[in-house]
């Protein structure tokens, strides 16, 4: 009886068909060839570059490993059994779970199933002064070129200049005057605060092109003449003003050319990474401006961001010589390849641009409406650039 029980156990073990997903155990030793010379196929094991099948067949017989297709079996590997009948056949992992068998001397073994190779975890991205380095679309990683976390108590003037109408002549909506004071630009709690304000009384906004009286203050900071770059990745973590759904507030994170090499706007180009209008607050708009642009195609009108005013989000552009790719919270929402009039791409986007952050009052359809408070503030957690 003991011998009978042993024989039964061997037969049960040899006939077991297992699903390996993935194979992690060392292959078990194959059973002795069955009755009538039927080859025995052991459980597959993991090899250095694929899956390994071991078993026994008639000594010195040719053993063919076959994989089952939709309507037929295909030979995927073979070996000649040793004098003792052992064979070993290694093949790559299948793309999907597949069934295998071996054939030797016209006899067929039992089948074994093998799952695809387990996916190996991707090694962590390297870090540098900007933190985790973003991966380039063409391979490799970007290198940090600029970073400001706004950790101090005042704007770092070695990195940023403040726009002032009295020098530039520029102004914002509602005759907004760019001024540099504690109301318009502030840094605290690890955040940059840019604020547009309607004052109780008018003041004289000085400009080299003619001064005027206004109640509106607006704010912009830029890295002009302090940090410029051609191509690369530019990114900021931003919370738009709280006045969502009420027309009147306008915010932007954008790039502008250091020099007007191809003429006045839009000839020398402009890249709006994230432009926000409080009257249409559920979207944030990326745009690429240049001479001859088709405005129906040069802006991303479907970049949804319904929580732009209640949560911080990350806005980025990857600027290459052929395309601008805009990522919101790491997701590609818009890309644009430009065909400028009177120029050859990559013109005008082949010159150094600087980073700009702006908070102003709106114009046109986004002009201040009833219910818009007298202040509106853009919050910036950090700004980074890579090349």
Protein backbone atom coordinates (compact mmCIF):
# COMPACT_ATOMS: atom_id res chain seq x y z
CA UNK A 1 0.00 0.00 0.00
CA UNK A 2 2.80 2.43 0.78
CA UNK A 3 4.25 1.94 -2.73
CA UNK A 4 0.83 2.54 -4.26
CA UNK A 5 0.39 5.77 -2.29
CA UNK A 6 3.82 6.98 -3.40
CA UNK A 7 2.97 6.29 -7.05
CA UNK A 8 -0.31 8.22 -6.73
CA UNK A 9 1.43 11.25 -5.20
CA UNK A 10 4.04 11.31 -8.01
CA UNK A 11 1.34 11.16 -10.67
CA UNK A 12 -0.66 13.97 -9.04
CA UNK A 13 2.40 16.21 -8.74
CA UNK A 14 3.49 15.54 -12.33
CA UNK A 15 0.01 16.24 -13.70
CA UNK A 16 -0.54 19.54 -11.92
CA UNK A 17 -0.90 22.53 -14.27
CA UNK A 18 0.11 25.79 -12.56
CA UNK A 19 -0.20 29.48 -13.52
CA UNK A 20 3.07 31.32 -12.93
CA UNK A 21 2.48 35.07 -12.44
CA UNK A 22 5.24 36.04 -12.12
CA UNK A 23 7.68 33.15 -11.68
CA UNK A 24 9.65 33.75 -8.53
CA UNK A 25 10.45 30.30 -7.22
CA UNK A 26 13.30 28.18 -8.48
CA UNK A 27 12.05 25.64 -11.01
CA UNK A 28 11.18 22.36 -9.39
CA UNK A 29 12.97 19.32 -10.62
CA UNK A 30 10.98 17.61 -13.37
CA UNK A 31 9.39 14.25 -12.83
CA UNK A 32 10.65 11.14 -14.57
CA UNK A 33 9.23 10.65 -18.07
CA UNK A 34 5.74 9.13 -17.87
CA UNK A 35 4.39 5.88 -19.18
CA UNK A 36 4.84 5.25 -22.86
CA UNK A 37 7.71 7.75 -23.03
CA UNK A 38 5.49 10.81 -22.60
CA UNK A 39 7.77 13.79 -21.78
CA UNK A 40 7.32 15.47 -18.43
CA UNK A 41 7.39 19.29 -18.17
CA UNK A 42 8.16 20.78 -14.79
CA UNK A 43 6.95 24.13 -13.53
CA UNK A 44 8.67 27.00 -15.34
CA UNK A 45 11.23 29.02 -13.48
CA UNK A 46 12.68 32.51 -13.77
CA UNK A 47 15.90 32.85 -15.77
CA UNK A 48 18.29 35.76 -16.14
CA UNK A 49 16.44 37.17 -19.15
CA UNK A 50 13.27 35.11 -19.46
CA UNK A 51 11.50 31.94 -18.38
CA UNK A 52 13.16 28.51 -18.10
CA UNK A 53 11.44 25.17 -18.73
CA UNK A 54 12.95 21.96 -17.36
CA UNK A 55 11.82 18.38 -17.52
CA UNK A 56 12.54 14.82 -18.66
CA UNK A 57 12.07 12.94 -21.86
CA UNK A 58 13.52 9.85 -23.51
CA UNK A 59 17.32 10.02 -23.32
CA UNK A 60 18.94 11.81 -26.27
CA UNK A 61 15.55 12.69 -27.83
CA UNK A 62 14.90 16.09 -29.40
CA UNK A 63 12.54 18.11 -27.20
CA UNK A 64 10.53 20.95 -28.73
CA UNK A 65 8.91 23.65 -26.59
CA UNK A 66 5.67 24.88 -28.14
CA UNK A 67 3.39 27.83 -27.37
CA UNK A 68 -0.31 27.69 -28.16
CA UNK A 69 -1.61 30.18 -30.68
CA UNK A 70 -5.21 30.89 -31.66
CA UNK A 71 -5.50 27.73 -33.76
CA UNK A 72 -2.17 25.91 -33.68
CA UNK A 73 0.98 25.26 -31.65
CA UNK A 74 4.22 27.03 -32.55
CA UNK A 75 7.70 25.75 -31.67
CA UNK A 76 9.53 28.46 -29.73
CA UNK A 77 12.58 26.55 -28.51
CA UNK A 78 14.22 23.12 -28.45
CA UNK A 79 16.88 21.05 -26.73
CA UNK A 80 18.25 17.49 -26.86
CA UNK A 81 17.66 15.51 -23.72
CA UNK A 82 20.76 14.28 -21.90
CA UNK A 83 21.73 10.66 -21.44
CA UNK A 84 19.56 10.68 -18.34
CA UNK A 85 16.68 12.36 -20.17
CA UNK A 86 16.95 15.87 -18.66
CA UNK A 87 16.33 18.93 -20.82
CA UNK A 88 16.34 22.67 -20.32
CA UNK A 89 14.84 25.33 -22.64
CA UNK A 90 14.94 29.08 -21.98
CA UNK A 91 12.73 31.59 -23.86
CA UNK A 92 11.74 35.23 -23.36
CA UNK A 93 8.68 36.03 -21.26
CA UNK A 94 5.48 36.19 -23.33
CA UNK A 95 3.67 39.49 -23.93
CA UNK A 96 0.50 37.99 -22.45
CA UNK A 97 -0.33 34.88 -20.43
CA UNK A 98 0.44 31.89 -22.67
CA UNK A 99 0.19 28.10 -22.58
CA UNK A 100 3.22 25.90 -23.28
CA UNK A 101 3.96 22.21 -23.81
CA UNK A 102 6.88 20.07 -24.97
CA UNK A 103 6.89 17.44 -27.69
CA UNK A 104 9.46 14.63 -27.88
CA UNK A 105 9.39 11.43 -29.92
CA UNK A 106 5.86 12.19 -31.08
CA UNK A 107 4.63 12.35 -27.48
CA UNK A 108 3.14 15.46 -25.84
CA UNK A 109 3.58 16.63 -22.25
CA UNK A 110 1.07 18.30 -19.98
CA UNK A 111 0.70 22.10 -20.40
CA UNK A 112 2.05 24.93 -18.31
CA UNK A 113 0.90 28.56 -18.23
CA UNK A 114 3.23 31.55 -17.94
CA UNK A 115 2.28 35.18 -17.33
CA UNK A 116 4.21 38.17 -18.72
CA UNK A 117 7.32 39.27 -16.88
CA UNK A 118 6.57 41.37 -13.80
CA UNK A 119 7.05 45.07 -14.43
CA UNK A 120 10.09 46.36 -12.63
CA UNK A 121 9.73 49.60 -10.70
CA UNK A 122 11.20 52.59 -12.46
CA UNK A 123 14.23 53.97 -10.61
CA UNK A 124 13.53 57.28 -8.90
CA UNK A 125 14.35 60.41 -10.87
CA UNK A 126 17.51 62.26 -9.79
CA UNK A 127 17.26 65.54 -7.89
CA UNK A 128 19.07 68.85 -8.04
CA UNK A 129 18.61 72.38 -6.69
CA UNK A 130 15.04 72.49 -8.06
CA UNK A 131 14.08 69.17 -6.47
CA UNK A 132 13.13 66.16 -8.56
CA UNK A 133 14.39 66.70 -12.10
CA UNK A 134 11.68 66.49 -14.81
CA UNK A 135 12.23 63.95 -17.55
CA UNK A 136 12.76 65.23 -21.09
CA UNK A 137 10.38 64.02 -23.79
CA UNK A 138 13.38 62.76 -25.78
CA UNK A 139 15.05 61.06 -22.81
CA UNK A 140 17.28 62.21 -19.99
CA UNK A 141 16.52 64.84 -17.37
CA UNK A 142 16.39 68.63 -17.24
CA UNK A 143 18.94 70.61 -15.20
CA UNK A 144 17.85 73.32 -12.75
CA UNK A 145 18.63 76.89 -13.82
CA UNK A 146 16.34 79.00 -11.59
CA UNK A 147 14.39 78.58 -8.37
CA UNK A 148 12.59 80.86 -5.93
CA UNK A 149 10.53 79.42 -3.06
CA UNK A 150 9.69 82.87 -1.61
CA UNK A 151 10.83 81.74 1.83
CA UNK A 152 11.95 85.15 3.02
CA UNK A 153 10.04 88.21 4.21
CA UNK A 154 10.59 90.34 1.10
CA UNK A 155 10.94 89.87 -2.64
CA UNK A 156 14.46 88.78 -3.65
CA UNK A 157 15.53 91.73 -5.81
CA UNK A 158 18.54 89.81 -7.10
CA UNK A 159 16.05 87.57 -8.95
CA UNK A 160 13.12 89.87 -9.64
CA UNK A 161 12.38 93.43 -10.68
CA UNK A 162 9.02 95.10 -10.03
CA UNK A 163 7.19 96.67 -12.94
CA UNK A 164 6.56 100.43 -12.46
CA UNK A 165 4.56 102.59 -14.84
CA UNK A 166 6.70 105.60 -13.99
CA UNK A 167 9.62 103.90 -15.77
CA UNK A 168 8.03 101.63 -18.37
CA UNK A 169 4.85 103.51 -19.30
CA UNK A 170 2.98 100.18 -19.15
CA UNK A 171 -0.43 100.00 -17.44
CA UNK A 172 -3.14 97.45 -16.70
CA UNK A 173 -6.91 97.29 -17.06
CA UNK A 174 -9.11 99.98 -15.50
CA UNK A 175 -6.18 102.38 -16.05
CA UNK A 176 -4.25 100.34 -13.51
CA UNK A 177 -0.96 101.85 -12.49
CA UNK A 178 1.99 99.50 -11.90
CA UNK A 179 3.49 100.51 -8.57
CA UNK A 180 6.03 99.00 -6.20
CA UNK A 181 4.72 99.13 -2.64
CA UNK A 182 3.59 96.88 0.22
CA UNK A 183 0.04 96.71 -1.15
CA UNK A 184 1.00 95.37 -4.57
CA UNK A 185 3.96 93.06 -3.83
CA UNK A 186 4.54 91.06 -0.67
CA UNK A 187 6.32 87.91 0.49
CA UNK A 188 5.33 86.04 3.66
CA UNK A 189 4.57 82.53 4.83
CA UNK A 190 6.50 81.04 1.89
CA UNK A 191 4.27 82.77 -0.68
CA UNK A 192 4.57 85.64 -3.11
CA UNK A 193 1.45 87.84 -3.02
CA UNK A 194 0.66 90.03 -6.01
CA UNK A 195 -2.37 92.29 -5.50
CA UNK A 196 -4.45 94.63 -7.62
CA UNK A 197 -6.25 97.32 -5.60
CA UNK A 198 -8.91 100.01 -6.05
CA UNK A 199 -8.05 102.84 -3.66
CA UNK A 200 -10.54 105.14 -1.98
CA UNK A 201 -8.98 108.23 -3.56
CA UNK A 202 -7.35 108.97 -6.90
CA UNK A 203 -3.60 109.36 -7.24
CA UNK A 204 -1.33 110.53 -10.04
CA UNK A 205 0.08 107.64 -12.04
CA UNK A 206 3.30 108.93 -13.55
CA UNK A 207 4.40 107.74 -16.97
CA UNK A 208 7.11 108.87 -19.39
CA UNK A 209 4.36 108.95 -22.02
CA UNK A 210 1.88 111.10 -20.08
CA UNK A 211 0.58 110.79 -16.51
CA UNK A 212 -3.06 110.36 -15.44
CA UNK A 213 -5.27 110.19 -12.36
CA UNK A 214 -6.52 106.78 -11.26
CA UNK A 215 -7.66 104.75 -8.26
CA UNK A 216 -6.32 101.45 -9.62
CA UNK A 217 -3.04 99.86 -8.57
CA UNK A 218 -1.77 96.70 -10.29
CA UNK A 219 1.32 94.51 -9.91
CA UNK A 220 3.88 92.61 -11.97
CA UNK A 221 7.26 91.11 -11.14
CA UNK A 222 9.71 89.80 -13.74
CA UNK A 223 13.19 88.32 -14.03
CA UNK A 224 14.06 90.77 -16.84
CA UNK A 225 17.86 91.25 -17.13
CA UNK A 226 18.31 88.95 -14.10
CA UNK A 227 17.35 85.54 -15.48
CA UNK A 228 16.64 84.73 -19.12
CA UNK A 229 16.65 81.46 -21.02
CA UNK A 230 16.05 80.05 -24.49
CA UNK A 231 14.21 76.71 -24.48
CA UNK A 232 13.71 74.48 -21.44
CA UNK A 233 10.99 73.95 -18.87
CA UNK A 234 9.37 76.74 -16.83
CA UNK A 235 7.03 75.91 -13.97
CA UNK A 236 5.16 77.58 -11.09
CA UNK A 237 2.79 76.49 -8.35
CA UNK A 238 -0.01 79.02 -8.17
CA UNK A 239 -3.39 79.70 -6.58
CA UNK A 240 -5.49 82.12 -8.61
CA UNK A 241 -7.45 84.93 -6.88
CA UNK A 242 -10.48 83.97 -4.80
CA UNK A 243 -12.89 86.11 -6.84
CA UNK A 244 -13.89 83.29 -9.20
CA UNK A 245 -17.01 83.85 -11.27
CA UNK A 246 -17.00 87.65 -10.93
CA UNK A 247 -15.59 89.59 -13.88
CA UNK A 248 -12.73 91.97 -13.16
CA UNK A 249 -9.57 90.10 -12.08
CA UNK A 250 -6.84 88.99 -14.50
CA UNK A 251 -3.76 86.92 -13.58
CA UNK A 252 -0.90 85.46 -15.61
CA UNK A 253 2.30 83.42 -15.47
CA UNK A 254 4.13 84.08 -18.75
CA UNK A 255 7.37 84.55 -20.68
CA UNK A 256 8.46 87.63 -22.62
CA UNK A 257 11.53 88.32 -24.82
CA UNK A 258 14.46 90.11 -23.24
CA UNK A 259 15.02 92.02 -26.48
CA UNK A 260 12.57 92.89 -29.25
CA UNK A 261 14.79 91.16 -31.83
CA UNK A 262 11.93 90.71 -34.31
CA UNK A 263 10.06 93.93 -33.69
CA UNK A 264 7.26 95.10 -31.44
CA UNK A 265 4.59 92.80 -30.05
CA UNK A 266 3.64 90.25 -31.24
CA UNK A 267 6.59 90.05 -33.65
CA UNK A 268 9.14 89.01 -31.03
CA UNK A 269 6.77 86.54 -29.38
CA UNK A 270 5.07 85.90 -26.05
CA UNK A 271 4.31 82.67 -24.20
CA UNK A 272 1.39 82.65 -21.75
CA UNK A 273 1.89 79.57 -19.60
CA UNK A 274 -1.19 80.15 -17.44
CA UNK A 275 -3.57 83.06 -18.02
CA UNK A 276 -6.69 83.39 -15.86
CA UNK A 277 -9.78 85.55 -16.13
CA UNK A 278 -12.11 85.72 -13.14
CA UNK A 279 -15.14 85.96 -15.46
CA UNK A 280 -14.27 82.51 -16.91
CA UNK A 281 -12.60 81.01 -13.87
CA UNK A 282 -13.13 77.30 -14.61
CA UNK A 283 -10.39 77.37 -17.27
CA UNK A 284 -6.76 78.48 -17.31
CA UNK A 285 -5.44 79.42 -20.75
CA UNK A 286 -2.03 78.71 -22.33
CA UNK A 287 -1.20 80.72 -25.46
CA UNK A 288 1.63 81.28 -27.95
CA UNK A 289 1.62 84.74 -29.54
CA UNK A 290 3.62 85.72 -32.65
CA UNK A 291 3.20 87.48 -35.99
CA UNK A 292 0.69 85.69 -38.18
CA UNK A 293 -0.74 83.45 -35.46
CA UNK A 294 -4.15 81.88 -35.92
CA UNK A 295 -5.82 82.84 -32.64
CA UNK A 296 -8.25 79.94 -32.95
CA UNK A 297 -5.30 77.54 -32.79
CA UNK A 298 -2.61 79.36 -30.81
CA UNK A 299 -4.42 79.15 -27.44
CA UNK A 300 -5.53 76.16 -25.40
CA UNK A 301 -9.22 76.73 -24.84
CA UNK A 302 -9.89 73.36 -23.20
CA UNK A 303 -7.49 73.41 -20.26
CA UNK A 304 -10.01 72.92 -17.46
CA UNK A 305 -9.07 73.95 -13.94
CA UNK A 306 -12.30 74.39 -11.93
CA UNK A 307 -10.46 74.61 -8.58
CA UNK A 308 -7.91 77.18 -9.78
CA UNK A 309 -9.11 79.68 -7.14
CA UNK A 310 -9.49 77.29 -4.23
CA UNK A 311 -6.39 75.11 -4.57
CA UNK A 312 -2.76 75.44 -5.66
CA UNK A 313 -1.95 73.91 -9.04
CA UNK A 314 1.27 73.48 -11.00
CA UNK A 315 1.49 75.13 -14.43
CA UNK A 316 4.39 74.41 -16.80
CA UNK A 317 5.60 74.78 -20.36
CA UNK A 318 8.25 72.74 -22.14
CA UNK A 319 9.70 74.98 -24.84
CA UNK A 320 11.63 73.27 -27.65
CA UNK A 321 12.75 74.60 -31.06
CA UNK A 322 9.70 73.01 -32.67
CA UNK A 323 6.84 72.90 -30.15
CA UNK A 324 5.49 74.35 -26.92
CA UNK A 325 3.93 71.75 -24.59
CA UNK A 326 1.79 72.97 -21.69
CA UNK A 327 1.31 70.79 -18.61
CA UNK A 328 -1.19 71.49 -15.86
CA UNK A 329 -0.61 69.37 -12.75
CA UNK A 330 1.66 67.15 -14.84
CA UNK A 331 -0.94 66.48 -17.54
CA UNK A 332 -0.42 67.69 -21.10
CA UNK A 333 -3.40 69.92 -21.89
CA UNK A 334 -2.19 71.76 -25.01
CA UNK A 335 0.70 71.89 -27.47
CA UNK A 336 1.47 74.25 -30.33
CA UNK A 337 3.95 74.34 -33.23
CA UNK A 338 4.20 77.84 -34.69
CA UNK A 339 4.44 79.07 -38.29
CA UNK A 340 5.29 82.78 -38.08
CA UNK A 341 4.68 85.25 -40.88
CA UNK A 342 7.84 86.66 -42.44
CA UNK A 343 10.09 84.40 -40.36
CA UNK A 344 11.26 80.82 -40.25
CA UNK A 345 10.57 78.73 -37.14
CA UNK A 346 11.98 78.49 -34.53
CA UNK A 347 11.89 82.30 -34.90
CA UNK A 348 10.79 84.28 -32.96
CA UNK A 349 11.15 81.71 -30.16
CA UNK A 350 14.91 81.29 -30.55
CA UNK A 351 15.95 84.17 -28.28
CA UNK A 352 16.17 84.51 -24.48
CA UNK A 353 12.87 85.15 -22.64
CA UNK A 354 12.33 86.12 -19.02
CA UNK A 355 9.69 85.01 -16.50
CA UNK A 356 6.75 87.26 -15.60
CA UNK A 357 4.01 87.08 -12.93
CA UNK A 358 1.12 89.52 -13.22
CA UNK A 359 -2.00 90.55 -11.27
CA UNK A 360 -4.11 93.31 -12.86
CA UNK A 361 -7.71 94.42 -13.35
CA UNK A 362 -9.56 93.11 -16.38
CA UNK A 363 -10.46 94.66 -19.72
CA UNK A 364 -13.30 94.28 -22.23
CA UNK A 365 -15.64 91.41 -21.39
CA UNK A 366 -13.68 90.87 -18.14
CA UNK A 367 -13.96 94.49 -16.94
CA UNK A 368 -14.68 94.87 -13.21
CA UNK A 369 -18.28 93.99 -12.44
CA UNK A 370 -20.52 94.69 -9.48
CA UNK A 371 -19.54 92.42 -6.62
CA UNK A 372 -15.81 92.43 -7.43
CA UNK A 373 -13.94 93.41 -4.22
CA UNK A 374 -11.46 96.30 -4.18
CA UNK A 375 -8.54 93.87 -3.91
CA UNK A 376 -7.66 90.68 -5.77
CA UNK A 377 -4.55 88.63 -4.96
CA UNK A 378 -2.53 86.03 -6.85
CA UNK A 379 -0.58 83.58 -4.64
CA UNK A 380 2.65 81.95 -5.87
CA UNK A 381 4.27 79.12 -3.93
CA UNK A 382 7.36 78.74 -6.13
CA UNK A 383 8.83 79.31 -9.57
CA UNK A 384 11.36 76.97 -11.20
CA UNK A 385 13.15 76.69 -14.54
CA UNK A 386 15.22 73.93 -16.09
CA UNK A 387 17.30 73.59 -19.24
